[in-house]
Amino acid sequence: MFEFTDVPDADRRGAGVRYPESFRICLEMKNLAIIPARGGSKRIPRKNIKPFMGKPIIAYSIEAALQSGLFDEVMVSTDDDEIASIARQYGASVPFMRGDKTSNDYATTTDVILEVLGKYGRDQTFDTVCCIYATAPFVTAKRIREAFSMLKDDIDSIFTCVAFSYPVQRGLYVKEGKIFMVHPEYLMTRSQDLEVIYHDAGQFYISNVKSFIANGSFWGQNTAGLILSELEVQDLDTPTDWQLAEMKYSLIISSNE
């Protein structure tokens, strides 16, 4: 159904990639990339391996992780044999299948990450963990390296974010057939004078392992955001979202030619 492209093993750990001296500490850490990809998907069937611009969408996340040269292991966490097969053919490892508790509709990303860390912990440990969603075709090796470079003594986790396209201070709600401003005090404020508000871009999340376990989340007191442009971000919950994402992707490709 798909054509597969091999990724050289040398790309797994920085071979052939030039980094600034300040980035050396990231390569000295043991880094694990986890790509969660459950088989079930209600709104878009088989979403995690649905073709996107000519190849299964999960391939983009795998390739970006491998090409970053940062990870000792790039693994896919799945309960689905077909997803596991496609993941391996694109260069990821699938050392074990998900357990029953992380394969149902109520399992969280944290549940999946903790399961993976626990299973790896029997044989090896990691300093940092990076969760990359399987449906993130805009993720790039460059952005992953950029996020890793933000890890410092006072920053132990990073995730991607993007500005709301419209000022949230001007939000509206409907009550009894009438419309009201959530914050009427901003009615006369110029848009350019309103504070920019961001939301999670849903691409990838990085944390040192100790912080992740302590917080039970990629979010903590020392979290930073890697800000993306609107062109790099698109929800993929409906067929219309999918079409918009392919249009954006085509625009990015054409602008780079």
C-alpha atoms as a PDB file:
ATOM      1  CA  MET A   1       0.000   0.000   0.000  1.00  0.00           C
ATOM      2  CA  PHE A   2       2.916   2.330   0.772  1.00  0.00           C
ATOM      3  CA  GLU A   3       6.467   2.748  -0.487  1.00  0.00           C
ATOM      4  CA  PHE A   4       8.988   2.717   2.338  1.00  0.00           C
ATOM      5  CA  THR A   5      12.247   4.595   2.670  1.00  0.00           C
ATOM      6  CA  ASP A   6      15.081   3.210   4.790  1.00  0.00           C
ATOM      7  CA  VAL A   7      16.708   5.578   7.265  1.00  0.00           C
ATOM      8  CA  PRO A   8      20.419   4.817   7.835  1.00  0.00           C
ATOM      9  CA  ASP A   9      21.287   3.719  11.371  1.00  0.00           C
ATOM     10  CA  ALA A  10      24.000   6.390  11.394  1.00  0.00           C
ATOM     11  CA  ASP A  11      21.302   9.041  11.545  1.00  0.00           C
ATOM     12  CA  ARG A  12      20.124   7.802  14.930  1.00  0.00           C
ATOM     13  CA  ARG A  13      22.779   9.525  16.993  1.00  0.00           C
ATOM     14  CA  GLY A  14      24.160  12.640  15.381  1.00  0.00           C
ATOM     15  CA  ALA A  15      26.366  11.154  12.660  1.00  0.00           C
ATOM     16  CA  GLY A  16      26.825  13.633   9.841  1.00  0.00           C
ATOM     17  CA  VAL A  17      24.953  16.373  11.710  1.00  0.00           C
ATOM     18  CA  ARG A  18      26.844  19.494  12.836  1.00  0.00           C
ATOM     19  CA  TYR A  19      25.784  21.034  16.135  1.00  0.00           C
ATOM     20  CA  PRO A  20      26.912  24.194  17.934  1.00  0.00           C
ATOM     21  CA  GLU A  21      29.207  23.617  20.919  1.00  0.00           C
ATOM     22  CA  SER A  22      26.441  24.674  23.316  1.00  0.00           C
ATOM     23  CA  PHE A  23      24.380  21.719  22.056  1.00  0.00           C
ATOM     24  CA  ARG A  24      26.951  19.097  23.033  1.00  0.00           C
ATOM     25  CA  ILE A  25      25.307  18.393  26.398  1.00  0.00           C
ATOM     26  CA  CYS A  26      22.145  17.179  24.632  1.00  0.00           C
ATOM     27  CA  LEU A  27      24.162  14.546  22.797  1.00  0.00           C
ATOM     28  CA  GLU A  28      25.781  13.429  26.045  1.00  0.00           C
ATOM     29  CA  MET A  29      22.376  12.613  27.551  1.00  0.00           C
ATOM     30  CA  LYS A  30      20.507   9.394  26.884  1.00  0.00           C
ATOM     31  CA  ASN A  31      17.378  10.420  25.011  1.00  0.00           C
ATOM     32  CA  LEU A  32      14.284   8.381  24.229  1.00  0.00           C
ATOM     33  CA  ALA A  33      11.650   9.313  21.627  1.00  0.00           C
ATOM     34  CA  ILE A  34       8.220   7.756  22.103  1.00  0.00           C
ATOM     35  CA  ILE A  35       5.579   7.970  19.366  1.00  0.00           C
ATOM     36  CA  PRO A  36       2.175   6.851  20.720  1.00  0.00           C
ATOM     37  CA  ALA A  37       0.031   5.275  17.994  1.00  0.00           C
ATOM     38  CA  ARG A  38      -3.017   3.334  19.113  1.00  0.00           C
ATOM     39  CA  GLY A  39      -4.937   1.390  16.470  1.00  0.00           C
ATOM     40  CA  GLY A  40      -8.392   2.716  17.327  1.00  0.00           C
ATOM     41  CA  SER A  41      -9.576   6.064  16.015  1.00  0.00           C
ATOM     42  CA  LYS A  42     -13.206   7.089  16.097  1.00  0.00           C
ATOM     43  CA  ARG A  43     -13.411  10.237  13.939  1.00  0.00           C
ATOM     44  CA  ILE A  44     -10.818   9.365  11.277  1.00  0.00           C
ATOM     45  CA  PRO A  45     -10.432   5.570  10.925  1.00  0.00           C
ATOM     46  CA  ARG A  46      -6.816   4.313  11.052  1.00  0.00           C
ATOM     47  CA  LYS A  47      -5.705   7.901  11.443  1.00  0.00           C
ATOM     48  CA  ASN A  48      -2.179   7.141  12.639  1.00  0.00           C
ATOM     49  CA  ILE A  49      -1.267   5.404   9.368  1.00  0.00           C
ATOM     50  CA  LYS A  50      -3.631   7.192   6.991  1.00  0.00           C
ATOM     51  CA  PRO A  51      -1.803   8.368   3.834  1.00  0.00           C
ATOM     52  CA  PHE A  52      -0.720  12.003   4.047  1.00  0.00           C
ATOM     53  CA  MET A  53       0.912  13.508   0.956  1.00  0.00           C
ATOM     54  CA  GLY A  54       2.008  10.096  -0.278  1.00  0.00           C
ATOM     55  CA  LYS A  55       3.065   8.218   2.840  1.00  0.00           C
ATOM     56  CA  PRO A  56       1.557   7.106   6.160  1.00  0.00           C
ATOM     57  CA  ILE A  57       1.326  10.093   8.465  1.00  0.00           C
ATOM     58  CA  ILE A  58       3.267   8.408  11.275  1.00  0.00           C
ATOM     59  CA  ALA A  59       6.310   8.334   8.958  1.00  0.00           C
ATOM     60  CA  TYR A  60       6.810  12.088   9.361  1.00  0.00           C
ATOM     61  CA  SER A  61       7.214  11.813  13.137  1.00  0.00           C
ATOM     62  CA  ILE A  62       9.553   8.829  12.857  1.00  0.00           C
ATOM     63  CA  GLU A  63      11.732  10.455  10.222  1.00  0.00           C
ATOM     64  CA  ALA A  64      11.984  13.763  12.099  1.00  0.00           C
ATOM     65  CA  ALA A  65      13.063  11.965  15.274  1.00  0.00           C
ATOM     66  CA  LEU A  66      15.670   9.863  13.483  1.00  0.00           C
ATOM     67  CA  GLN A  67      17.019  12.762  11.448  1.00  0.00           C
ATOM     68  CA  SER A  68      17.420  14.928  14.551  1.00  0.00           C
ATOM     69  CA  GLY A  69      20.342  12.702  15.549  1.00  0.00           C
ATOM     70  CA  LEU A  70      19.409  13.129  19.211  1.00  0.00           C
ATOM     71  CA  PHE A  71      17.874   9.846  20.244  1.00  0.00           C
ATOM     72  CA  ASP A  72      19.381   6.611  21.449  1.00  0.00           C
ATOM     73  CA  GLU A  73      16.025   5.007  20.729  1.00  0.00           C
ATOM     74  CA  VAL A  74      13.057   6.035  18.576  1.00  0.00           C
ATOM     75  CA  MET A  75      10.179   3.745  19.476  1.00  0.00           C
ATOM     76  CA  VAL A  76       6.498   3.479  18.645  1.00  0.00           C
ATOM     77  CA  SER A  77       4.042   2.486  21.353  1.00  0.00           C
ATOM     78  CA  THR A  78       1.117   0.681  19.750  1.00  0.00           C
ATOM     79  CA  ASP A  79      -1.388  -2.111  20.202  1.00  0.00           C
ATOM     80  CA  ASP A  80      -1.762  -2.649  16.460  1.00  0.00           C
ATOM     81  CA  ASP A  81       0.257  -5.082  14.325  1.00  0.00           C
ATOM     82  CA  GLU A  82      -0.097  -3.080  11.101  1.00  0.00           C
ATOM     83  CA  ILE A  83       1.071   0.130  12.775  1.00  0.00           C
ATOM     84  CA  ALA A  84       3.999  -1.769  14.299  1.00  0.00           C
ATOM     85  CA  SER A  85       4.993  -3.132  10.890  1.00  0.00           C
ATOM     86  CA  ILE A  86       4.860   0.287   9.206  1.00  0.00           C
ATOM     87  CA  ALA A  87       6.771   1.888  12.095  1.00  0.00           C
ATOM     88  CA  ARG A  88       9.588  -0.647  11.785  1.00  0.00           C
ATOM     89  CA  GLN A  89       9.800  -0.193   8.019  1.00  0.00           C
ATOM     90  CA  TYR A  90      10.338   3.534   8.531  1.00  0.00           C
ATOM     91  CA  GLY A  91      13.131   2.934  11.018  1.00  0.00           C
ATOM     92  CA  ALA A  92      11.458   3.003  14.439  1.00  0.00           C
ATOM     93  CA  SER A  93      11.657   0.188  16.944  1.00  0.00           C
ATOM     94  CA  VAL A  94       8.651  -1.545  18.479  1.00  0.00           C
ATOM     95  CA  PRO A  95      10.260  -3.622  21.232  1.00  0.00           C
ATOM     96  CA  PHE A  96       6.934  -4.526  22.841  1.00  0.00           C
ATOM     97  CA  MET A  97       3.227  -4.017  22.325  1.00  0.00           C
ATOM     98  CA  ARG A  98       1.025  -1.929  24.600  1.00  0.00           C
ATOM     99  CA  GLY A  99      -0.688  -3.515  27.547  1.00  0.00           C
ATOM    100  CA  ASP A 100      -4.471  -3.676  27.919  1.00  0.00           C
ATOM    101  CA  LYS A 101      -4.603  -0.693  30.295  1.00  0.00           C
ATOM    102  CA  THR A 102      -2.926   1.640  27.788  1.00  0.00           C
ATOM    103  CA  SER A 103      -4.904   0.397  24.793  1.00  0.00           C
ATOM    104  CA  ASN A 104      -8.362   1.574  25.793  1.00  0.00           C
ATOM    105  CA  ASP A 105     -10.156   4.867  25.105  1.00  0.00           C
ATOM    106  CA  TYR A 106      -9.373   6.217  28.582  1.00  0.00           C
ATOM    107  CA  ALA A 107      -5.598   5.767  28.608  1.00  0.00           C
ATOM    108  CA  THR A 108      -3.705   9.066  28.738  1.00  0.00           C
ATOM    109  CA  THR A 109      -0.413  10.020  27.163  1.00  0.00           C
ATOM    110  CA  THR A 110       1.109   9.966  30.647  1.00  0.00           C
ATOM    111  CA  ASP A 111      -0.069   6.368  31.093  1.00  0.00           C
ATOM    112  CA  VAL A 112       1.663   5.402  27.844  1.00  0.00           C
ATOM    113  CA  ILE A 113       4.926   7.186  28.692  1.00  0.00           C
ATOM    114  CA  LEU A 114       5.091   5.641  32.160  1.00  0.00           C
ATOM    115  CA  GLU A 115       4.458   2.171  30.734  1.00  0.00           C
ATOM    116  CA  VAL A 116       7.267   2.580  28.212  1.00  0.00           C
ATOM    117  CA  LEU A 117       9.728   3.980  30.764  1.00  0.00           C
ATOM    118  CA  GLY A 118       8.861   1.161  33.135  1.00  0.00           C
ATOM    119  CA  LYS A 119       9.506  -1.533  30.546  1.00  0.00           C
ATOM    120  CA  TYR A 120      12.754   0.000  29.359  1.00  0.00           C
ATOM    121  CA  GLY A 121      13.813   0.565  32.974  1.00  0.00           C
ATOM    122  CA  ARG A 122      14.399  -3.133  33.445  1.00  0.00           C
ATOM    123  CA  ASP A 123      17.394  -2.953  31.105  1.00  0.00           C
ATOM    124  CA  GLN A 124      18.257   0.705  30.520  1.00  0.00           C
ATOM    125  CA  THR A 125      17.398   4.179  31.729  1.00  0.00           C
ATOM    126  CA  PHE A 126      17.140   7.528  29.946  1.00  0.00           C
ATOM    127  CA  ASP A 127      17.846  11.130  30.939  1.00  0.00           C
ATOM    128  CA  THR A 128      15.171  12.710  28.740  1.00  0.00           C
ATOM    129  CA  VAL A 129      11.976  11.545  27.097  1.00  0.00           C
ATOM    130  CA  CYS A 130      10.367  13.114  24.034  1.00  0.00           C
ATOM    131  CA  CYS A 131       6.792  12.292  23.088  1.00  0.00           C
ATOM    132  CA  ILE A 132       6.017  12.978  19.424  1.00  0.00           C
ATOM    133  CA  TYR A 133       2.458  12.515  18.274  1.00  0.00           C
ATOM    134  CA  ALA A 134       1.929  10.190  15.323  1.00  0.00           C
ATOM    135  CA  THR A 135      -0.262  12.726  13.527  1.00  0.00           C
ATOM    136  CA  ALA A 136       2.262  15.580  13.420  1.00  0.00           C
ATOM    137  CA  PRO A 137       3.343  15.865   9.772  1.00  0.00           C
ATOM    138  CA  PHE A 138       4.746  19.373  10.296  1.00  0.00           C
ATOM    139  CA  VAL A 139       7.284  18.283  12.917  1.00  0.00           C
ATOM    140  CA  THR A 140      10.903  18.576  11.754  1.00  0.00           C
ATOM    141  CA  ALA A 141      14.293  17.501  12.999  1.00  0.00           C
ATOM    142  CA  LYS A 142      15.269  21.173  13.173  1.00  0.00           C
ATOM    143  CA  ARG A 143      12.390  22.011  15.514  1.00  0.00           C
ATOM    144  CA  ILE A 144      13.171  19.045  17.757  1.00  0.00           C
ATOM    145  CA  ARG A 145      16.818  20.106  18.023  1.00  0.00           C
ATOM    146  CA  GLU A 146      15.702  23.679  18.702  1.00  0.00           C
ATOM    147  CA  ALA A 147      13.521  22.505  21.576  1.00  0.00           C
ATOM    148  CA  PHE A 148      16.266  20.335  23.055  1.00  0.00           C
ATOM    149  CA  SER A 149      18.627  23.311  23.034  1.00  0.00           C
ATOM    150  CA  MET A 150      16.197  25.078  25.399  1.00  0.00           C
ATOM    151  CA  LEU A 151      16.804  22.546  28.191  1.00  0.00           C
ATOM    152  CA  LYS A 152      18.735  24.276  30.968  1.00  0.00           C
ATOM    153  CA  ASP A 153      19.157  24.101  34.741  1.00  0.00           C
ATOM    154  CA  ASP A 154      15.967  26.117  35.201  1.00  0.00           C
ATOM    155  CA  ILE A 155      14.045  24.554  32.279  1.00  0.00           C
ATOM    156  CA  ASP A 156      13.316  20.838  32.480  1.00  0.00           C
ATOM    157  CA  SER A 157      10.455  20.458  29.991  1.00  0.00           C
ATOM    158  CA  ILE A 158       9.393  22.009  26.691  1.00  0.00           C
ATOM    159  CA  PHE A 159       6.425  21.658  24.395  1.00  0.00           C
ATOM    160  CA  THR A 160       5.305  23.279  21.164  1.00  0.00           C
ATOM    161  CA  CYS A 161       2.753  26.082  21.208  1.00  0.00           C
ATOM    162  CA  VAL A 162       1.144  28.534  18.812  1.00  0.00           C
ATOM    163  CA  ALA A 163      -0.638  31.845  19.249  1.00  0.00           C
ATOM    164  CA  PHE A 164      -4.421  31.913  19.037  1.00  0.00           C
ATOM    165  CA  SER A 165      -5.313  33.327  15.637  1.00  0.00           C
ATOM    166  CA  TYR A 166      -7.893  35.673  17.177  1.00  0.00           C
ATOM    167  CA  PRO A 167      -7.550  37.527  20.520  1.00  0.00           C
ATOM    168  CA  VAL A 168      -9.138  35.333  23.192  1.00  0.00           C
ATOM    169  CA  GLN A 169      -9.896  38.490  25.194  1.00  0.00           C
ATOM    170  CA  ARG A 170     -12.576  39.209  22.579  1.00  0.00           C
ATOM    171  CA  GLY A 171     -14.270  35.834  23.077  1.00  0.00           C
ATOM    172  CA  LEU A 172     -18.072  35.646  23.013  1.00  0.00           C
ATOM    173  CA  TYR A 173     -20.732  33.434  24.564  1.00  0.00           C
ATOM    174  CA  VAL A 174     -24.434  32.936  23.931  1.00  0.00           C
ATOM    175  CA  LYS A 175     -27.041  32.984  26.695  1.00  0.00           C
ATOM    176  CA  GLU A 176     -30.799  32.850  26.191  1.00  0.00           C
ATOM    177  CA  GLY A 177     -30.456  33.776  22.533  1.00  0.00           C
ATOM    178  CA  LYS A 178     -28.280  36.833  23.173  1.00  0.00           C
ATOM    179  CA  ILE A 179     -24.559  37.241  22.676  1.00  0.00           C
ATOM    180  CA  PHE A 180     -22.141  38.644  25.241  1.00  0.00           C
ATOM    181  CA  MET A 181     -18.414  39.314  25.576  1.00  0.00           C
ATOM    182  CA  VAL A 182     -16.555  37.105  28.024  1.00  0.00           C
ATOM    183  CA  HIS A 183     -14.381  40.108  28.892  1.00  0.00           C
ATOM    184  CA  PRO A 184     -16.377  43.277  28.104  1.00  0.00           C
ATOM    185  CA  GLU A 185     -13.576  45.401  29.567  1.00  0.00           C
ATOM    186  CA  TYR A 186     -11.637  44.763  26.339  1.00  0.00           C
ATOM    187  CA  LEU A 187     -14.425  45.988  24.033  1.00  0.00           C
ATOM    188  CA  MET A 188     -12.576  49.186  23.058  1.00  0.00           C
ATOM    189  CA  THR A 189      -9.006  47.868  23.345  1.00  0.00           C
ATOM    190  CA  ARG A 190      -7.046  47.716  20.103  1.00  0.00           C
ATOM    191  CA  SER A 191      -6.077  44.200  19.052  1.00  0.00           C
ATOM    192  CA  GLN A 192      -2.390  45.109  18.944  1.00  0.00           C
ATOM    193  CA  ASP A 193      -2.578  46.206  22.586  1.00  0.00           C
ATOM    194  CA  LEU A 194      -3.899  42.858  23.806  1.00  0.00           C
ATOM    195  CA  GLU A 195      -1.519  40.287  25.240  1.00  0.00           C
ATOM    196  CA  VAL A 196      -0.743  37.389  22.885  1.00  0.00           C
ATOM    197  CA  ILE A 197      -2.165  34.133  24.250  1.00  0.00           C
ATOM    198  CA  TYR A 198      -0.890  30.713  23.154  1.00  0.00           C
ATOM    199  CA  HIS A 199      -2.208  27.171  23.108  1.00  0.00           C
ATOM    200  CA  ASP A 200      -0.646  23.724  22.864  1.00  0.00           C
ATOM    201  CA  ALA A 201       0.308  22.948  19.260  1.00  0.00           C
ATOM    202  CA  GLY A 202       0.048  19.185  19.841  1.00  0.00           C
ATOM    203  CA  GLN A 203       3.277  18.178  18.100  1.00  0.00           C
ATOM    204  CA  PHE A 204       5.873  17.057  20.634  1.00  0.00           C
ATOM    205  CA  TYR A 205       6.826  17.300  24.304  1.00  0.00           C
ATOM    206  CA  ILE A 206      10.235  16.972  25.965  1.00  0.00           C
ATOM    207  CA  SER A 207      11.090  16.479  29.616  1.00  0.00           C
ATOM    208  CA  ASN A 208      13.889  15.141  31.714  1.00  0.00           C
ATOM    209  CA  VAL A 209      12.694  11.820  33.051  1.00  0.00           C
ATOM    210  CA  LYS A 210      12.967  12.704  36.731  1.00  0.00           C
ATOM    211  CA  SER A 211      10.778  15.777  36.247  1.00  0.00           C
ATOM    212  CA  PHE A 212       8.217  13.842  34.207  1.00  0.00           C
ATOM    213  CA  ILE A 213       7.868  11.154  36.852  1.00  0.00           C
ATOM    214  CA  ALA A 214       7.697  13.716  39.661  1.00  0.00           C
ATOM    215  CA  ASN A 215       5.018  15.804  37.912  1.00  0.00           C
ATOM    216  CA  GLY A 216       3.191  12.954  36.207  1.00  0.00           C
ATOM    217  CA  SER A 217       3.113  15.222  33.180  1.00  0.00           C
ATOM    218  CA  PHE A 218       5.216  17.144  30.675  1.00  0.00           C
ATOM    219  CA  TRP A 219       3.913  20.269  32.380  1.00  0.00           C
ATOM    220  CA  GLY A 220       5.670  21.535  35.493  1.00  0.00           C
ATOM    221  CA  GLN A 221       6.944  24.643  37.254  1.00  0.00           C
ATOM    222  CA  ASN A 222       9.920  24.869  34.890  1.00  0.00           C
ATOM    223  CA  THR A 223       8.266  24.355  31.499  1.00  0.00           C
ATOM    224  CA  ALA A 224       9.082  26.428  28.420  1.00  0.00           C
ATOM    225  CA  GLY A 225       7.283  26.735  25.095  1.00  0.00           C
ATOM    226  CA  LEU A 226       8.708  26.469  21.599  1.00  0.00           C
ATOM    227  CA  ILE A 227       6.550  28.880  19.611  1.00  0.00           C
ATOM    228  CA  LEU A 228       5.535  27.757  16.138  1.00  0.00           C
ATOM    229  CA  SER A 229       3.972  29.686  13.283  1.00  0.00           C
ATOM    230  CA  GLU A 230       0.320  29.150  12.382  1.00  0.00           C
ATOM    231  CA  LEU A 231       1.396  27.546   9.122  1.00  0.00           C
ATOM    232  CA  GLU A 232       3.159  24.751  11.041  1.00  0.00           C
ATOM    233  CA  VAL A 233       0.114  23.767  13.083  1.00  0.00           C
ATOM    234  CA  GLN A 234      -3.154  22.052  12.216  1.00  0.00           C
ATOM    235  CA  ASP A 235      -5.562  19.927  14.268  1.00  0.00           C
ATOM    236  CA  LEU A 236      -6.365  16.615  12.603  1.00  0.00           C
ATOM    237  CA  ASP A 237      -9.735  15.611  14.007  1.00  0.00           C
ATOM    238  CA  THR A 238     -11.962  15.717  10.907  1.00  0.00           C
ATOM    239  CA  PRO A 239     -11.634  15.074   7.149  1.00  0.00           C
ATOM    240  CA  THR A 240     -11.714  18.859   6.631  1.00  0.00           C
ATOM    241  CA  ASP A 241      -8.792  19.248   9.037  1.00  0.00           C
ATOM    242  CA  TRP A 242      -6.899  16.686   6.974  1.00  0.00           C
ATOM    243  CA  GLN A 243      -7.475  18.591   3.752  1.00  0.00           C
ATOM    244  CA  LEU A 244      -6.382  21.851   5.382  1.00  0.00           C
ATOM    245  CA  ALA A 245      -3.218  20.184   6.669  1.00  0.00           C
ATOM    246  CA  GLU A 246      -2.326  18.911   3.208  1.00  0.00           C
ATOM    247  CA  MET A 247      -2.893  22.383   1.780  1.00  0.00           C
ATOM    248  CA  LYS A 248      -0.597  23.892   4.413  1.00  0.00           C
ATOM    249  CA  TYR A 249       2.019  21.226   3.819  1.00  0.00           C
ATOM    250  CA  SER A 250       1.938  21.868   0.064  1.00  0.00           C
ATOM    251  CA  LEU A 251       2.356  25.586   0.723  1.00  0.00           C
ATOM    252  CA  ILE A 252       5.400  24.960   2.923  1.00  0.00           C
ATOM    253  CA  ILE A 253       6.963  22.702   0.292  1.00  0.00           C
ATOM    254  CA  SER A 254       6.374  25.220  -2.510  1.00  0.00           C
ATOM    255  CA  SER A 255       7.802  28.082  -0.435  1.00  0.00           C
ATOM    256  CA  ASN A 256      10.999  26.087   0.165  1.00  0.00           C
ATOM    257  CA  GLU A 257      11.577  25.307  -3.492  1.00  0.00           C
END
